[in-house]
Amino acid sequence: MSLTPELKFLFSPARLQAIHIFYNTTMANHKSSIKRARQTVVRTDRNRAEKSRMKTLRKKALTAIASGDKSAAAEASSAFSSVVDKAAKRNLIHPNKAANLKSKTAKALAGIA
């Protein structure tokens, strides 16, 4: 039986290690503060994964642009722009940073002859 992406995330070794560290080092005493600390661990993992995905897609877009294949570069750039917009919408990055990243990618894409 293969795990769905959601279950893979829930049972990833890094997440389980973070939860283990959390339960052994947390200073929270109240029920609500323990829950908030637990949520912070999950959100930190999710945000870290999303930022890493964004960086990977940026590298793929720039590599495709450097290769000179216009259709592949346009597709990679479109995927990158979509992820950047979603990250800005979720406040993972500042909206101005999103605009700057998209602008640099679009400028590089326009430079393909």
N, C-alpha and C. Protein backbone atom coordinates (compact mmCIF):
# COMPACT_ATOMS: atom_id res chain seq x y z
N MET A 1 0.84 -1.18 0.00
CA MET A 1 0.00 0.00 0.00
C MET A 1 0.88 1.24 0.00
N SER A 2 0.64 2.14 -0.94
CA SER A 2 1.43 3.36 -1.00
C SER A 2 0.69 4.47 -0.25
N LEU A 3 1.48 5.36 0.31
CA LEU A 3 0.92 6.48 1.07
C LEU A 3 0.58 7.63 0.14
N THR A 4 -0.50 8.31 0.44
CA THR A 4 -0.85 9.51 -0.32
C THR A 4 0.11 10.61 0.06
N PRO A 5 0.23 11.67 -0.74
CA PRO A 5 1.15 12.77 -0.40
C PRO A 5 0.86 13.37 0.98
N GLU A 6 -0.43 13.44 1.35
CA GLU A 6 -0.76 13.99 2.66
C GLU A 6 -0.22 13.12 3.78
N LEU A 7 -0.35 11.80 3.61
CA LEU A 7 0.15 10.89 4.64
C LEU A 7 1.67 10.86 4.66
N LYS A 8 2.28 10.98 3.47
CA LYS A 8 3.75 11.03 3.43
C LYS A 8 4.25 12.23 4.22
N PHE A 9 3.54 13.36 4.09
CA PHE A 9 3.92 14.56 4.84
C PHE A 9 3.75 14.32 6.33
N LEU A 10 2.61 13.72 6.72
CA LEU A 10 2.32 13.51 8.13
C LEU A 10 3.34 12.59 8.80
N PHE A 11 3.84 11.60 8.05
CA PHE A 11 4.74 10.62 8.62
C PHE A 11 6.18 10.77 8.12
N SER A 12 6.53 11.96 7.62
CA SER A 12 7.89 12.16 7.16
C SER A 12 8.83 12.14 8.36
N PRO A 13 10.04 11.61 8.18
CA PRO A 13 10.99 11.52 9.29
C PRO A 13 11.31 12.87 9.92
N ALA A 14 11.43 13.91 9.10
CA ALA A 14 11.75 15.23 9.63
C ALA A 14 10.63 15.75 10.52
N ARG A 15 9.38 15.53 10.10
CA ARG A 15 8.24 16.00 10.90
C ARG A 15 8.14 15.22 12.20
N LEU A 16 8.33 13.91 12.14
CA LEU A 16 8.26 13.11 13.35
C LEU A 16 9.37 13.48 14.33
N GLN A 17 10.55 13.79 13.80
CA GLN A 17 11.64 14.23 14.65
C GLN A 17 11.32 15.57 15.30
N ALA A 18 10.73 16.48 14.53
CA ALA A 18 10.37 17.79 15.07
C ALA A 18 9.33 17.65 16.18
N ILE A 19 8.35 16.78 15.97
CA ILE A 19 7.32 16.56 17.00
C ILE A 19 7.94 15.94 18.24
N HIS A 20 8.87 15.00 18.05
CA HIS A 20 9.55 14.38 19.19
C HIS A 20 10.31 15.42 19.98
N ILE A 21 11.04 16.28 19.29
CA ILE A 21 11.79 17.35 19.96
C ILE A 21 10.83 18.29 20.67
N PHE A 22 9.71 18.60 20.01
CA PHE A 22 8.72 19.50 20.60
C PHE A 22 8.21 18.96 21.92
N TYR A 23 7.83 17.68 21.95
CA TYR A 23 7.25 17.12 23.17
C TYR A 23 8.28 16.98 24.29
N ASN A 24 9.55 16.90 23.94
CA ASN A 24 10.58 16.75 24.97
C ASN A 24 11.17 18.08 25.41
N THR A 25 10.89 19.16 24.70
CA THR A 25 11.52 20.44 25.05
C THR A 25 10.53 21.57 25.26
N THR A 26 9.25 21.33 25.07
CA THR A 26 8.29 22.42 25.15
C THR A 26 8.18 22.97 26.57
N MET A 27 8.01 24.29 26.64
CA MET A 27 7.86 24.95 27.93
C MET A 27 6.39 25.26 28.21
N ALA A 28 5.52 24.90 27.29
CA ALA A 28 4.11 25.23 27.44
C ALA A 28 3.49 24.43 28.58
N ASN A 29 2.62 25.09 29.35
CA ASN A 29 1.97 24.44 30.48
C ASN A 29 0.47 24.32 30.30
N HIS A 30 -0.15 25.31 29.69
CA HIS A 30 -1.59 25.28 29.52
C HIS A 30 -1.97 24.48 28.28
N LYS A 31 -3.17 23.96 28.31
CA LYS A 31 -3.66 23.14 27.21
C LYS A 31 -3.63 23.91 25.89
N SER A 32 -4.07 25.16 25.92
CA SER A 32 -4.12 25.96 24.70
C SER A 32 -2.72 26.29 24.19
N SER A 33 -1.79 26.56 25.09
CA SER A 33 -0.43 26.89 24.64
C SER A 33 0.29 25.66 24.11
N ILE A 34 -0.03 24.49 24.65
CA ILE A 34 0.54 23.25 24.11
C ILE A 34 0.03 23.03 22.69
N LYS A 35 -1.26 23.28 22.48
CA LYS A 35 -1.84 23.12 21.14
C LYS A 35 -1.21 24.12 20.17
N ARG A 36 -1.05 25.37 20.60
CA ARG A 36 -0.45 26.38 19.72
C ARG A 36 0.98 26.00 19.35
N ALA A 37 1.73 25.47 20.31
CA ALA A 37 3.10 25.06 20.02
C ALA A 37 3.11 23.89 19.05
N ARG A 38 2.16 22.98 19.20
CA ARG A 38 2.06 21.84 18.28
C ARG A 38 1.71 22.32 16.87
N GLN A 39 0.79 23.28 16.78
CA GLN A 39 0.42 23.84 15.48
C GLN A 39 1.61 24.54 14.82
N THR A 40 2.42 25.20 15.65
CA THR A 40 3.59 25.90 15.11
C THR A 40 4.55 24.93 14.44
N VAL A 41 4.73 23.75 15.04
CA VAL A 41 5.62 22.75 14.45
C VAL A 41 5.10 22.34 13.08
N VAL A 42 3.80 22.07 12.98
CA VAL A 42 3.21 21.63 11.72
C VAL A 42 3.31 22.74 10.67
N ARG A 43 2.98 23.96 11.06
CA ARG A 43 3.01 25.08 10.12
C ARG A 43 4.43 25.38 9.65
N THR A 44 5.40 25.27 10.57
CA THR A 44 6.79 25.51 10.18
C THR A 44 7.23 24.51 9.13
N ASP A 45 6.88 23.25 9.34
CA ASP A 45 7.24 22.21 8.35
C ASP A 45 6.58 22.49 7.01
N ARG A 46 5.31 22.86 7.04
CA ARG A 46 4.58 23.12 5.80
C ARG A 46 5.19 24.32 5.07
N ASN A 47 5.48 25.39 5.81
CA ASN A 47 6.06 26.58 5.19
C ASN A 47 7.44 26.30 4.63
N ARG A 48 8.23 25.53 5.36
CA ARG A 48 9.58 25.19 4.89
C ARG A 48 9.50 24.41 3.59
N ALA A 49 8.57 23.46 3.52
CA ALA A 49 8.41 22.65 2.30
C ALA A 49 7.96 23.52 1.13
N GLU A 50 7.03 24.44 1.39
CA GLU A 50 6.52 25.30 0.32
C GLU A 50 7.61 26.25 -0.20
N LYS A 51 8.41 26.80 0.70
CA LYS A 51 9.50 27.69 0.27
C LYS A 51 10.55 26.90 -0.51
N SER A 52 10.82 25.69 -0.07
CA SER A 52 11.78 24.85 -0.78
C SER A 52 11.28 24.53 -2.19
N ARG A 53 9.99 24.24 -2.31
CA ARG A 53 9.39 23.97 -3.62
C ARG A 53 9.50 25.19 -4.53
N MET A 54 9.28 26.36 -3.94
CA MET A 54 9.36 27.60 -4.71
C MET A 54 10.79 27.80 -5.24
N LYS A 55 11.78 27.55 -4.40
CA LYS A 55 13.17 27.71 -4.82
C LYS A 55 13.53 26.70 -5.91
N THR A 56 13.04 25.47 -5.77
CA THR A 56 13.31 24.44 -6.77
C THR A 56 12.71 24.82 -8.12
N LEU A 57 11.46 25.30 -8.11
CA LEU A 57 10.82 25.69 -9.36
C LEU A 57 11.53 26.89 -9.99
N ARG A 58 12.05 27.79 -9.17
CA ARG A 58 12.79 28.92 -9.71
C ARG A 58 14.06 28.44 -10.42
N LYS A 59 14.77 27.51 -9.78
CA LYS A 59 15.97 26.95 -10.41
C LYS A 59 15.64 26.25 -11.72
N LYS A 60 14.53 25.49 -11.72
CA LYS A 60 14.12 24.80 -12.95
C LYS A 60 13.77 25.79 -14.05
N ALA A 61 13.08 26.89 -13.68
CA ALA A 61 12.71 27.89 -14.67
C ALA A 61 13.96 28.56 -15.25
N LEU A 62 14.89 28.93 -14.39
CA LEU A 62 16.12 29.59 -14.87
C LEU A 62 16.97 28.64 -15.71
N THR A 63 16.98 27.36 -15.34
CA THR A 63 17.73 26.37 -16.13
C THR A 63 17.09 26.20 -17.51
N ALA A 64 15.77 26.16 -17.54
CA ALA A 64 15.06 26.03 -18.83
C ALA A 64 15.30 27.26 -19.70
N ILE A 65 15.33 28.42 -19.07
CA ILE A 65 15.59 29.66 -19.82
C ILE A 65 17.01 29.65 -20.37
N ALA A 66 17.95 29.20 -19.54
CA ALA A 66 19.35 29.15 -19.98
C ALA A 66 19.56 28.15 -21.12
N SER A 67 18.75 27.10 -21.14
CA SER A 67 18.90 26.10 -22.20
C SER A 67 18.44 26.63 -23.56
N GLY A 68 17.55 27.64 -23.53
CA GLY A 68 17.10 28.25 -24.77
C GLY A 68 15.83 27.66 -25.36
N ASP A 69 15.29 26.64 -24.73
CA ASP A 69 14.04 26.03 -25.21
C ASP A 69 12.87 26.89 -24.74
N LYS A 70 12.30 27.64 -25.68
CA LYS A 70 11.30 28.64 -25.32
C LYS A 70 10.02 28.03 -24.74
N SER A 71 9.54 26.92 -25.29
CA SER A 71 8.29 26.33 -24.79
C SER A 71 8.48 25.75 -23.39
N ALA A 72 9.59 25.05 -23.18
CA ALA A 72 9.87 24.49 -21.85
C ALA A 72 10.09 25.61 -20.83
N ALA A 73 10.76 26.67 -21.26
CA ALA A 73 11.02 27.80 -20.37
C ALA A 73 9.73 28.50 -20.00
N ALA A 74 8.82 28.66 -20.97
CA ALA A 74 7.54 29.30 -20.69
C ALA A 74 6.71 28.47 -19.72
N GLU A 75 6.73 27.17 -19.90
CA GLU A 75 5.98 26.29 -19.00
C GLU A 75 6.55 26.32 -17.58
N ALA A 76 7.86 26.25 -17.47
CA ALA A 76 8.50 26.28 -16.16
C ALA A 76 8.29 27.63 -15.49
N SER A 77 8.35 28.69 -16.27
CA SER A 77 8.14 30.03 -15.74
C SER A 77 6.71 30.21 -15.25
N SER A 78 5.76 29.65 -15.97
CA SER A 78 4.36 29.74 -15.58
C SER A 78 4.12 29.00 -14.26
N ALA A 79 4.70 27.81 -14.13
CA ALA A 79 4.55 27.04 -12.89
C ALA A 79 5.17 27.78 -11.72
N PHE A 80 6.34 28.38 -11.96
CA PHE A 80 7.02 29.15 -10.90
C PHE A 80 6.17 30.36 -10.49
N SER A 81 5.63 31.08 -11.47
CA SER A 81 4.82 32.26 -11.16
C SER A 81 3.59 31.89 -10.35
N SER A 82 2.99 30.77 -10.67
CA SER A 82 1.81 30.32 -9.94
C SER A 82 2.14 30.03 -8.48
N VAL A 83 3.25 29.34 -8.25
CA VAL A 83 3.65 29.00 -6.88
C VAL A 83 4.02 30.26 -6.11
N VAL A 84 4.67 31.21 -6.77
CA VAL A 84 5.06 32.46 -6.10
C VAL A 84 3.81 33.25 -5.70
N ASP A 85 2.82 33.31 -6.60
CA ASP A 85 1.58 34.01 -6.27
C ASP A 85 0.88 33.39 -5.07
N LYS A 86 0.84 32.07 -5.03
CA LYS A 86 0.20 31.39 -3.91
C LYS A 86 0.97 31.63 -2.62
N ALA A 87 2.30 31.65 -2.70
CA ALA A 87 3.11 31.90 -1.50
C ALA A 87 2.87 33.31 -0.98
N ALA A 88 2.73 34.27 -1.89
CA ALA A 88 2.46 35.65 -1.47
C ALA A 88 1.06 35.75 -0.87
N LYS A 89 0.11 35.03 -1.43
CA LYS A 89 -1.26 35.06 -0.92
C LYS A 89 -1.33 34.49 0.50
N ARG A 90 -0.48 33.50 0.78
CA ARG A 90 -0.48 32.86 2.10
C ARG A 90 0.49 33.54 3.07
N ASN A 91 1.08 34.66 2.65
CA ASN A 91 2.04 35.42 3.48
C ASN A 91 3.31 34.64 3.79
N LEU A 92 3.70 33.73 2.91
CA LEU A 92 5.00 33.08 3.07
C LEU A 92 6.11 34.01 2.63
N ILE A 93 5.83 34.81 1.62
CA ILE A 93 6.77 35.84 1.17
C ILE A 93 5.99 37.14 1.00
N HIS A 94 6.69 38.24 1.00
CA HIS A 94 6.05 39.55 0.85
C HIS A 94 5.57 39.69 -0.60
N PRO A 95 4.44 40.34 -0.80
CA PRO A 95 3.93 40.51 -2.17
C PRO A 95 4.92 41.21 -3.11
N ASN A 96 5.69 42.16 -2.58
CA ASN A 96 6.69 42.84 -3.42
C ASN A 96 7.80 41.88 -3.85
N LYS A 97 8.20 40.98 -2.95
CA LYS A 97 9.21 39.99 -3.31
C LYS A 97 8.67 39.07 -4.40
N ALA A 98 7.40 38.71 -4.29
CA ALA A 98 6.78 37.88 -5.32
C ALA A 98 6.82 38.59 -6.67
N ALA A 99 6.48 39.87 -6.65
CA ALA A 99 6.49 40.65 -7.90
C ALA A 99 7.90 40.73 -8.47
N ASN A 100 8.89 40.93 -7.62
CA ASN A 100 10.27 41.01 -8.08
C ASN A 100 10.74 39.69 -8.69
N LEU A 101 10.43 38.58 -8.04
CA LEU A 101 10.83 37.27 -8.55
C LEU A 101 10.19 36.99 -9.91
N LYS A 102 8.89 37.28 -10.01
CA LYS A 102 8.19 37.05 -11.27
C LYS A 102 8.73 37.96 -12.38
N SER A 103 9.04 39.20 -12.02
CA SER A 103 9.56 40.15 -12.99
C SER A 103 10.92 39.70 -13.54
N LYS A 104 11.79 39.25 -12.64
CA LYS A 104 13.12 38.79 -13.07
C LYS A 104 13.01 37.58 -13.99
N THR A 105 12.10 36.68 -13.64
CA THR A 105 11.91 35.49 -14.48
C THR A 105 11.33 35.86 -15.84
N ALA A 106 10.36 36.77 -15.84
CA ALA A 106 9.75 37.19 -17.11
C ALA A 106 10.76 37.92 -17.99
N LYS A 107 11.61 38.72 -17.36
CA LYS A 107 12.63 39.45 -18.11
C LYS A 107 13.63 38.48 -18.75
N ALA A 108 14.02 37.46 -17.99
CA ALA A 108 14.94 36.45 -18.51
C ALA A 108 14.28 35.66 -19.64
N LEU A 109 12.98 35.37 -19.47
CA LEU A 109 12.25 34.63 -20.50
C LEU A 109 12.12 35.45 -21.79
N ALA A 110 11.91 36.75 -21.63
CA ALA A 110 11.79 37.62 -22.81
C ALA A 110 13.13 37.73 -23.56
N GLY A 111 14.22 37.48 -22.86
CA GLY A 111 15.54 37.58 -23.47
C GLY A 111 15.92 36.41 -24.35
N ILE A 112 15.09 35.37 -24.36
CA ILE A 112 15.38 34.22 -25.23
C ILE A 112 15.12 34.62 -26.68
N ALA A 113 16.09 34.37 -27.52
CA ALA A 113 15.96 34.77 -28.93
C ALA A 113 15.15 33.78 -29.73
